[in-house]
Amino acid sequence: MKNKHILYTNDDLNVPECLKDRNGDIVLSQCKICGKAEAELSELCLPKDTIILNWWNSLSKNQQYELCLKQDNVDNLLVQRELSSLTPSEIKMIWEKEFQNDI
């Protein structure tokens, strides 16, 4: 089923420690795809990249351009290109830099 959460189980090897009790058993439900947990699981499961792309598309072209200007690690390559030609990985890089202190 599309948009269904896939929760961590005790069989998973990469379960975040914060979901486990002191015996190593999972006691909190969290989606492996979107990261939502407990009360948020009634919401749709949207992969993190989809959330990022939705955020990017909600911005005006001026806001997108200003965010590209902030990307000091890409030597203005993003600014020199058409905003509509940015790849999802480039948009994700912009998002991560913009919100790196919030993560």
Protein backbone atom coordinates (compact mmCIF):
# COMPACT_ATOMS: atom_id res chain seq x y z
CA MET A 1 0.00 0.00 0.00
CA LYS A 2 1.38 3.40 -1.01
CA ASN A 3 2.18 5.89 1.77
CA LYS A 4 2.11 3.15 4.41
CA HIS A 5 4.62 3.45 7.22
CA ILE A 6 7.26 0.73 7.54
CA LEU A 7 8.17 0.51 11.20
CA TYR A 8 11.41 -0.67 12.72
CA THR A 9 11.24 -4.18 14.15
CA ASN A 10 13.47 -6.10 16.55
CA ASP A 11 14.82 -7.98 13.50
CA ASP A 12 16.29 -4.78 11.98
CA LEU A 13 20.00 -4.19 12.51
CA ASN A 14 19.96 -0.39 12.18
CA VAL A 15 17.34 0.51 14.80
CA PRO A 16 18.06 3.86 16.49
CA GLU A 17 18.97 3.31 20.13
CA CYS A 18 16.41 5.89 21.26
CA LEU A 19 13.62 3.48 20.22
CA LYS A 20 14.88 0.63 22.42
CA ASP A 21 14.51 -0.15 26.09
CA ARG A 22 17.46 -1.22 28.24
CA ASN A 23 16.94 -4.83 27.10
CA GLY A 24 17.35 -3.82 23.46
CA ASP A 25 13.69 -4.33 22.55
CA ILE A 26 11.86 -1.72 20.49
CA VAL A 27 9.34 0.14 22.65
CA LEU A 28 8.64 3.17 20.45
CA SER A 29 7.23 2.98 16.92
CA GLN A 30 9.08 4.90 14.21
CA CYS A 31 8.87 4.72 10.41
CA LYS A 32 12.05 3.75 8.58
CA ILE A 33 11.02 5.77 5.52
CA CYS A 34 9.92 9.16 6.80
CA GLY A 35 11.09 9.16 10.42
CA LYS A 36 7.65 9.91 11.88
CA ALA A 37 6.95 8.29 15.23
CA GLU A 38 4.14 7.42 17.63
CA ALA A 39 1.32 10.01 17.31
CA GLU A 40 2.55 11.13 13.86
CA LEU A 41 1.96 7.69 12.35
CA SER A 42 -1.63 8.59 11.46
CA GLU A 43 -0.20 11.06 8.92
CA LEU A 44 0.85 10.01 5.41
CA CYS A 45 4.28 8.49 4.98
CA LEU A 46 6.26 10.74 2.68
CA PRO A 47 9.89 9.87 2.04
CA LYS A 48 12.23 12.56 3.26
CA ASP A 49 13.32 13.43 -0.29
CA THR A 50 9.68 14.05 -1.25
CA ILE A 51 9.29 16.42 1.68
CA ILE A 52 12.41 18.28 0.58
CA LEU A 53 11.21 18.57 -3.02
CA ASN A 54 7.80 19.80 -1.83
CA TRP A 55 9.55 22.42 0.30
CA TRP A 56 11.68 23.54 -2.67
CA ASN A 57 8.67 23.79 -4.98
CA SER A 58 6.81 25.89 -2.41
CA LEU A 59 9.49 28.60 -2.56
CA SER A 60 9.39 31.52 -4.96
CA LYS A 61 12.06 31.69 -7.65
CA ASN A 62 13.70 34.57 -5.76
CA GLN A 63 13.86 32.49 -2.58
CA GLN A 64 15.33 29.56 -4.51
CA TYR A 65 17.92 31.87 -6.09
CA GLU A 66 18.89 33.36 -2.70
CA LEU A 67 19.34 29.87 -1.23
CA CYS A 68 21.58 28.92 -4.15
CA LEU A 69 23.69 32.01 -3.48
CA LYS A 70 24.28 30.75 0.08
CA GLN A 71 25.88 27.55 -1.19
CA ASP A 72 29.52 28.48 -0.73
CA ASN A 73 30.69 24.92 -1.35
CA VAL A 74 29.52 24.79 -4.96
CA ASP A 75 31.34 27.86 -6.30
CA ASN A 76 28.15 29.45 -7.65
CA LEU A 77 27.54 26.59 -10.09
CA LEU A 78 23.95 26.38 -8.87
CA VAL A 79 23.38 30.08 -9.46
CA GLN A 80 24.71 29.89 -13.01
CA ARG A 81 22.20 27.19 -13.95
CA GLU A 82 18.49 27.43 -14.50
CA LEU A 83 16.74 26.79 -11.19
CA SER A 84 14.36 24.35 -12.90
CA SER A 85 17.30 22.16 -13.94
CA LEU A 86 18.55 21.46 -10.40
CA THR A 87 18.66 17.77 -9.55
CA PRO A 88 16.96 16.35 -6.45
CA SER A 89 20.38 15.73 -4.87
CA GLU A 90 21.34 19.39 -5.39
CA ILE A 91 18.06 20.52 -3.86
CA LYS A 92 18.63 18.16 -0.94
CA MET A 93 22.10 19.67 -0.45
CA ILE A 94 20.55 23.17 -0.33
CA TRP A 95 17.92 22.00 2.16
CA GLU A 96 20.51 20.35 4.39
CA LYS A 97 22.63 23.47 4.46
CA GLU A 98 19.64 25.75 5.12
CA PHE A 99 18.38 23.62 8.01
CA GLN A 100 21.61 22.06 9.29
CA ASN A 101 21.23 23.70 12.69
CA ASP A 102 17.62 22.47 13.00
CA ILE A 103 18.42 18.77 12.38
